[in-house]
Amino acid sequence: MVLTADARSPTWEYDSLHPRLKLSDDRLVVSCNWRRIFYPCGPQRFDKLWQVLSRDAFLSGSHYWEVDLLHAGTGWWIGAAYPSIGRKGDSETCRLGWNRASWCLKKFDFEYWAFHRGERIPILVEDDPDRIGIFLDYEAGILSFYNVTDGMAHLHTFRCKFTEPVYPALRLWEGSIGICKLT
């Protein structure tokens, strides 16, 4: 059971935003932009993969946030990453879910997978979720995903020992993904 005290509304970090993504003024919604935006270059910015990390890092405790996927299109990745995830290039060290520094739930067309270290686990989803809840318990080493469109249906749980700050993360190909305002 997720407690209200765990609810968060993390915002996205401008400095990590890929140049084909744009932020809403409140930093809650990330949208694809087919024209490249000329953001200042920097070490935190993803330069090849259409990814972004949150401004908010979780280093202890329990945290819960929800992601609105209603306008996300046919391909997206949502999850969490360490700040050590690669930012330059498109190798496995940079790809969300393909390394030791990130975990994600991925959708492409009508298929869903959980990814960590490049290992993928298929997930059976009966109805495409419009909203997914993500629960992190840092000390317990739990990162769980739930379909919260109607109720709270468990999708997948990663179990590990977290060793760095954990940031909400996403990648998308089209459309937009938003953090739901819970706080």
C-alpha atoms as a PDB file:
ATOM      1  CA  MET A   1       0.000   0.000   0.000  1.00  0.00           C
ATOM      2  CA  VAL A   2       1.393   3.382  -0.985  1.00  0.00           C
ATOM      3  CA  LEU A   3       1.055   6.039   1.681  1.00  0.00           C
ATOM      4  CA  THR A   4       0.295   9.672   0.946  1.00  0.00           C
ATOM      5  CA  ALA A   5       3.489  10.577   2.801  1.00  0.00           C
ATOM      6  CA  ASP A   6       5.482   8.841   0.025  1.00  0.00           C
ATOM      7  CA  ALA A   7       3.836  10.854  -2.796  1.00  0.00           C
ATOM      8  CA  ARG A   8       6.172  13.005  -4.895  1.00  0.00           C
ATOM      9  CA  SER A   9       5.878  15.135  -8.027  1.00  0.00           C
ATOM     10  CA  PRO A  10       9.443  15.188  -9.371  1.00  0.00           C
ATOM     11  CA  THR A  11      10.269  17.717 -12.070  1.00  0.00           C
ATOM     12  CA  TRP A  12      12.533  17.162 -15.085  1.00  0.00           C
ATOM     13  CA  GLU A  13      16.075  18.554 -15.295  1.00  0.00           C
ATOM     14  CA  TYR A  14      16.631  21.034 -18.095  1.00  0.00           C
ATOM     15  CA  ASP A  15      20.405  20.362 -18.180  1.00  0.00           C
ATOM     16  CA  SER A  16      19.942  16.641 -19.000  1.00  0.00           C
ATOM     17  CA  LEU A  17      17.218  17.136 -21.634  1.00  0.00           C
ATOM     18  CA  HIS A  18      18.006  15.832 -25.143  1.00  0.00           C
ATOM     19  CA  PRO A  19      17.819  18.592 -27.830  1.00  0.00           C
ATOM     20  CA  ARG A  20      14.775  16.959 -29.489  1.00  0.00           C
ATOM     21  CA  LEU A  21      12.793  17.111 -26.250  1.00  0.00           C
ATOM     22  CA  LYS A  22      11.194  20.131 -24.649  1.00  0.00           C
ATOM     23  CA  LEU A  23       9.872  20.865 -21.168  1.00  0.00           C
ATOM     24  CA  SER A  24       6.622  22.463 -20.103  1.00  0.00           C
ATOM     25  CA  ASP A  25       6.963  25.637 -18.030  1.00  0.00           C
ATOM     26  CA  ASP A  26       6.250  23.709 -14.820  1.00  0.00           C
ATOM     27  CA  ARG A  27       8.855  21.034 -15.786  1.00  0.00           C
ATOM     28  CA  LEU A  28       6.313  18.225 -15.356  1.00  0.00           C
ATOM     29  CA  VAL A  29       5.759  17.353 -19.045  1.00  0.00           C
ATOM     30  CA  VAL A  30       8.385  16.261 -21.588  1.00  0.00           C
ATOM     31  CA  SER A  31       7.387  16.429 -25.278  1.00  0.00           C
ATOM     32  CA  CYS A  32       9.082  15.321 -28.477  1.00  0.00           C
ATOM     33  CA  ASN A  33      10.085  18.084 -30.826  1.00  0.00           C
ATOM     34  CA  TRP A  34      11.093  17.011 -34.332  1.00  0.00           C
ATOM     35  CA  ARG A  35      13.231  20.118 -34.719  1.00  0.00           C
ATOM     36  CA  ARG A  36      16.436  20.194 -32.759  1.00  0.00           C
ATOM     37  CA  ILE A  37      16.412  22.805 -29.993  1.00  0.00           C
ATOM     38  CA  PHE A  38      19.756  24.507 -29.430  1.00  0.00           C
ATOM     39  CA  TYR A  39      20.245  24.014 -25.710  1.00  0.00           C
ATOM     40  CA  PRO A  40      23.628  24.836 -24.188  1.00  0.00           C
ATOM     41  CA  CYS A  41      25.998  21.860 -24.352  1.00  0.00           C
ATOM     42  CA  GLY A  42      27.010  20.367 -21.041  1.00  0.00           C
ATOM     43  CA  PRO A  43      28.207  17.143 -19.421  1.00  0.00           C
ATOM     44  CA  GLN A  44      24.730  16.277 -18.064  1.00  0.00           C
ATOM     45  CA  ARG A  45      22.891  16.571 -21.395  1.00  0.00           C
ATOM     46  CA  PHE A  46      21.924  13.423 -23.330  1.00  0.00           C
ATOM     47  CA  ASP A  47      23.223  14.083 -26.846  1.00  0.00           C
ATOM     48  CA  LYS A  48      22.000  11.045 -28.856  1.00  0.00           C
ATOM     49  CA  LEU A  49      19.194   9.312 -26.944  1.00  0.00           C
ATOM     50  CA  TRP A  50      15.914  11.155 -26.383  1.00  0.00           C
ATOM     51  CA  GLN A  51      16.166  10.857 -22.598  1.00  0.00           C
ATOM     52  CA  VAL A  52      15.941  13.066 -19.525  1.00  0.00           C
ATOM     53  CA  LEU A  53      16.482  12.682 -15.782  1.00  0.00           C
ATOM     54  CA  SER A  54      14.598  14.379 -13.006  1.00  0.00           C
ATOM     55  CA  ARG A  55      15.910  17.325 -10.978  1.00  0.00           C
ATOM     56  CA  ASP A  56      14.965  15.384  -7.863  1.00  0.00           C
ATOM     57  CA  ALA A  57      17.219  12.647  -6.497  1.00  0.00           C
ATOM     58  CA  PHE A  58      16.233  10.081  -3.893  1.00  0.00           C
ATOM     59  CA  LEU A  59      19.022   8.938  -1.562  1.00  0.00           C
ATOM     60  CA  SER A  60      16.939   7.354   1.198  1.00  0.00           C
ATOM     61  CA  GLY A  61      13.370   6.622   2.191  1.00  0.00           C
ATOM     62  CA  SER A  62      10.240   5.667   0.261  1.00  0.00           C
ATOM     63  CA  HIS A  63       8.962   7.638  -2.719  1.00  0.00           C
ATOM     64  CA  TYR A  64       6.006   7.261  -5.068  1.00  0.00           C
ATOM     65  CA  TRP A  65       5.265   9.153  -8.278  1.00  0.00           C
ATOM     66  CA  GLU A  66       2.899   8.685 -11.199  1.00  0.00           C
ATOM     67  CA  VAL A  67       3.489   9.145 -14.910  1.00  0.00           C
ATOM     68  CA  ASP A  68       0.780  10.159 -17.397  1.00  0.00           C
ATOM     69  CA  LEU A  69       1.185   8.165 -20.622  1.00  0.00           C
ATOM     70  CA  LEU A  70      -2.036   9.147 -22.375  1.00  0.00           C
ATOM     71  CA  HIS A  71      -0.137  11.066 -25.105  1.00  0.00           C
ATOM     72  CA  ALA A  72       3.101   9.039 -25.085  1.00  0.00           C
ATOM     73  CA  GLY A  73       2.755   7.313 -28.451  1.00  0.00           C
ATOM     74  CA  THR A  74       3.821   3.771 -29.320  1.00  0.00           C
ATOM     75  CA  GLY A  75       7.290   3.706 -27.777  1.00  0.00           C
ATOM     76  CA  TRP A  76       8.475   4.867 -24.356  1.00  0.00           C
ATOM     77  CA  TRP A  77      10.716   3.937 -21.428  1.00  0.00           C
ATOM     78  CA  ILE A  78      10.018   5.075 -17.857  1.00  0.00           C
ATOM     79  CA  GLY A  79      12.011   4.282 -14.761  1.00  0.00           C
ATOM     80  CA  ALA A  80      14.956   5.459 -12.723  1.00  0.00           C
ATOM     81  CA  ALA A  81      18.683   5.940 -13.128  1.00  0.00           C
ATOM     82  CA  TYR A  82      21.825   6.774 -11.225  1.00  0.00           C
ATOM     83  CA  PRO A  83      23.585  10.037 -12.117  1.00  0.00           C
ATOM     84  CA  SER A  84      26.446   7.879 -13.460  1.00  0.00           C
ATOM     85  CA  ILE A  85      24.394   6.768 -16.509  1.00  0.00           C
ATOM     86  CA  GLY A  86      26.241   7.720 -19.703  1.00  0.00           C
ATOM     87  CA  ARG A  87      25.102  10.888 -21.458  1.00  0.00           C
ATOM     88  CA  LYS A  88      27.217  11.038 -24.606  1.00  0.00           C
ATOM     89  CA  GLY A  89      26.535   8.649 -27.472  1.00  0.00           C
ATOM     90  CA  ASP A  90      24.033   5.839 -27.801  1.00  0.00           C
ATOM     91  CA  SER A  91      25.969   2.889 -26.375  1.00  0.00           C
ATOM     92  CA  GLU A  92      24.540   0.542 -23.751  1.00  0.00           C
ATOM     93  CA  THR A  93      26.089   2.673 -20.988  1.00  0.00           C
ATOM     94  CA  CYS A  94      23.695   5.467 -22.006  1.00  0.00           C
ATOM     95  CA  ARG A  95      20.514   3.501 -22.771  1.00  0.00           C
ATOM     96  CA  LEU A  96      17.868   3.449 -20.068  1.00  0.00           C
ATOM     97  CA  GLY A  97      17.628  -0.127 -18.763  1.00  0.00           C
ATOM     98  CA  TRP A  98      20.696  -1.433 -20.618  1.00  0.00           C
ATOM     99  CA  ASN A  99      23.258  -0.977 -17.835  1.00  0.00           C
ATOM    100  CA  ARG A 100      23.799  -1.311 -14.082  1.00  0.00           C
ATOM    101  CA  ALA A 101      22.913   2.388 -13.645  1.00  0.00           C
ATOM    102  CA  SER A 102      19.245   2.238 -14.729  1.00  0.00           C
ATOM    103  CA  TRP A 103      15.960   0.343 -14.531  1.00  0.00           C
ATOM    104  CA  CYS A 104      12.914   0.815 -16.723  1.00  0.00           C
ATOM    105  CA  LEU A 105       9.605  -0.369 -18.004  1.00  0.00           C
ATOM    106  CA  LYS A 106       9.506  -0.194 -21.805  1.00  0.00           C
ATOM    107  CA  LYS A 107       6.590  -0.191 -24.196  1.00  0.00           C
ATOM    108  CA  PHE A 108       6.835  -0.639 -27.941  1.00  0.00           C
ATOM    109  CA  ASP A 109       3.629  -1.110 -29.940  1.00  0.00           C
ATOM    110  CA  PHE A 110       1.677  -3.588 -27.806  1.00  0.00           C
ATOM    111  CA  GLU A 111       4.580  -5.218 -25.978  1.00  0.00           C
ATOM    112  CA  TYR A 112       5.922  -4.375 -22.526  1.00  0.00           C
ATOM    113  CA  TRP A 113       9.226  -5.337 -20.905  1.00  0.00           C
ATOM    114  CA  ALA A 114      11.133  -4.626 -17.726  1.00  0.00           C
ATOM    115  CA  PHE A 115      14.811  -3.813 -18.407  1.00  0.00           C
ATOM    116  CA  HIS A 116      17.931  -3.721 -16.219  1.00  0.00           C
ATOM    117  CA  ARG A 117      21.534  -4.487 -17.292  1.00  0.00           C
ATOM    118  CA  GLY A 118      20.198  -5.195 -20.776  1.00  0.00           C
ATOM    119  CA  GLU A 119      18.152  -8.147 -19.538  1.00  0.00           C
ATOM    120  CA  ARG A 120      14.528  -7.911 -20.553  1.00  0.00           C
ATOM    121  CA  ILE A 121      11.596  -9.562 -18.877  1.00  0.00           C
ATOM    122  CA  PRO A 122       8.294  -9.626 -20.786  1.00  0.00           C
ATOM    123  CA  ILE A 123       5.319  -8.198 -18.912  1.00  0.00           C
ATOM    124  CA  LEU A 124       1.749  -9.200 -19.619  1.00  0.00           C
ATOM    125  CA  VAL A 125      -0.443  -6.089 -19.743  1.00  0.00           C
ATOM    126  CA  GLU A 126      -4.108  -6.587 -20.577  1.00  0.00           C
ATOM    127  CA  ASP A 127      -4.999  -2.947 -21.281  1.00  0.00           C
ATOM    128  CA  ASP A 128      -2.562  -0.187 -22.209  1.00  0.00           C
ATOM    129  CA  PRO A 129      -2.110   1.911 -19.072  1.00  0.00           C
ATOM    130  CA  ASP A 130      -2.791   5.636 -19.282  1.00  0.00           C
ATOM    131  CA  ARG A 131      -1.031   6.125 -15.960  1.00  0.00           C
ATOM    132  CA  ILE A 132       1.749   4.202 -14.226  1.00  0.00           C
ATOM    133  CA  GLY A 133       2.755   4.517 -10.590  1.00  0.00           C
ATOM    134  CA  ILE A 134       6.375   3.997  -9.572  1.00  0.00           C
ATOM    135  CA  PHE A 135       7.344   3.145  -5.996  1.00  0.00           C
ATOM    136  CA  LEU A 136      10.924   3.327  -4.710  1.00  0.00           C
ATOM    137  CA  ASP A 137      12.032   2.080  -1.298  1.00  0.00           C
ATOM    138  CA  TYR A 138      15.721   2.972  -1.246  1.00  0.00           C
ATOM    139  CA  GLU A 139      16.786   1.036   1.852  1.00  0.00           C
ATOM    140  CA  ALA A 140      14.751  -2.071   0.945  1.00  0.00           C
ATOM    141  CA  GLY A 141      16.132  -2.001  -2.620  1.00  0.00           C
ATOM    142  CA  ILE A 142      12.713  -2.010  -4.290  1.00  0.00           C
ATOM    143  CA  LEU A 143      11.609  -0.246  -7.474  1.00  0.00           C
ATOM    144  CA  SER A 144       8.038  -1.248  -8.420  1.00  0.00           C
ATOM    145  CA  PHE A 145       5.737  -0.316 -11.293  1.00  0.00           C
ATOM    146  CA  TYR A 146       1.924  -0.331 -11.160  1.00  0.00           C
ATOM    147  CA  ASN A 147      -0.853   0.259 -13.673  1.00  0.00           C
ATOM    148  CA  VAL A 148      -2.892   2.877 -11.807  1.00  0.00           C
ATOM    149  CA  THR A 149      -5.324   3.710 -14.615  1.00  0.00           C
ATOM    150  CA  ASP A 150      -8.104   1.869 -12.741  1.00  0.00           C
ATOM    151  CA  GLY A 151      -6.987   0.674  -9.334  1.00  0.00           C
ATOM    152  CA  MET A 152      -3.432  -0.479  -8.700  1.00  0.00           C
ATOM    153  CA  ALA A 153      -2.290  -3.529 -10.702  1.00  0.00           C
ATOM    154  CA  HIS A 154       1.312  -4.626 -10.094  1.00  0.00           C
ATOM    155  CA  LEU A 155       3.407  -4.788 -13.290  1.00  0.00           C
ATOM    156  CA  HIS A 156       6.974  -5.492 -12.144  1.00  0.00           C
ATOM    157  CA  THR A 157       9.387  -5.089  -9.226  1.00  0.00           C
ATOM    158  CA  PHE A 158      13.171  -4.752  -9.436  1.00  0.00           C
ATOM    159  CA  ARG A 159      15.136  -5.740  -6.322  1.00  0.00           C
ATOM    160  CA  CYS A 160      18.681  -4.534  -5.797  1.00  0.00           C
ATOM    161  CA  LYS A 161      20.964  -2.666  -3.419  1.00  0.00           C
ATOM    162  CA  PHE A 162      20.980   0.994  -4.425  1.00  0.00           C
ATOM    163  CA  THR A 163      24.428   2.591  -4.182  1.00  0.00           C
ATOM    164  CA  GLU A 164      23.906   6.064  -5.684  1.00  0.00           C
ATOM    165  CA  PRO A 165      21.156   8.681  -5.683  1.00  0.00           C
ATOM    166  CA  VAL A 166      18.177   7.481  -7.751  1.00  0.00           C
ATOM    167  CA  TYR A 167      16.596   9.859 -10.288  1.00  0.00           C
ATOM    168  CA  PRO A 168      13.280   9.356 -12.111  1.00  0.00           C
ATOM    169  CA  ALA A 169      14.098   8.942 -15.821  1.00  0.00           C
ATOM    170  CA  LEU A 170      12.398   8.588 -19.180  1.00  0.00           C
ATOM    171  CA  ARG A 171      12.970   8.138 -22.875  1.00  0.00           C
ATOM    172  CA  LEU A 172      10.423   8.588 -25.646  1.00  0.00           C
ATOM    173  CA  TRP A 173      10.088   8.589 -29.442  1.00  0.00           C
ATOM    174  CA  GLU A 174       6.926  10.597 -29.955  1.00  0.00           C
ATOM    175  CA  GLY A 175       4.228  12.427 -28.074  1.00  0.00           C
ATOM    176  CA  SER A 176       4.646  13.487 -24.472  1.00  0.00           C
ATOM    177  CA  ILE A 177       4.957  12.068 -20.971  1.00  0.00           C
ATOM    178  CA  GLY A 178       3.983  13.957 -17.846  1.00  0.00           C
ATOM    179  CA  ILE A 179       4.542  13.601 -14.130  1.00  0.00           C
ATOM    180  CA  CYS A 180       1.202  13.664 -12.328  1.00  0.00           C
ATOM    181  CA  LYS A 181       0.871  16.340  -9.663  1.00  0.00           C
ATOM    182  CA  LEU A 182       0.482  14.405  -6.399  1.00  0.00           C
ATOM    183  CA  THR A 183       1.831  17.009  -3.977  1.00  0.00           C
END
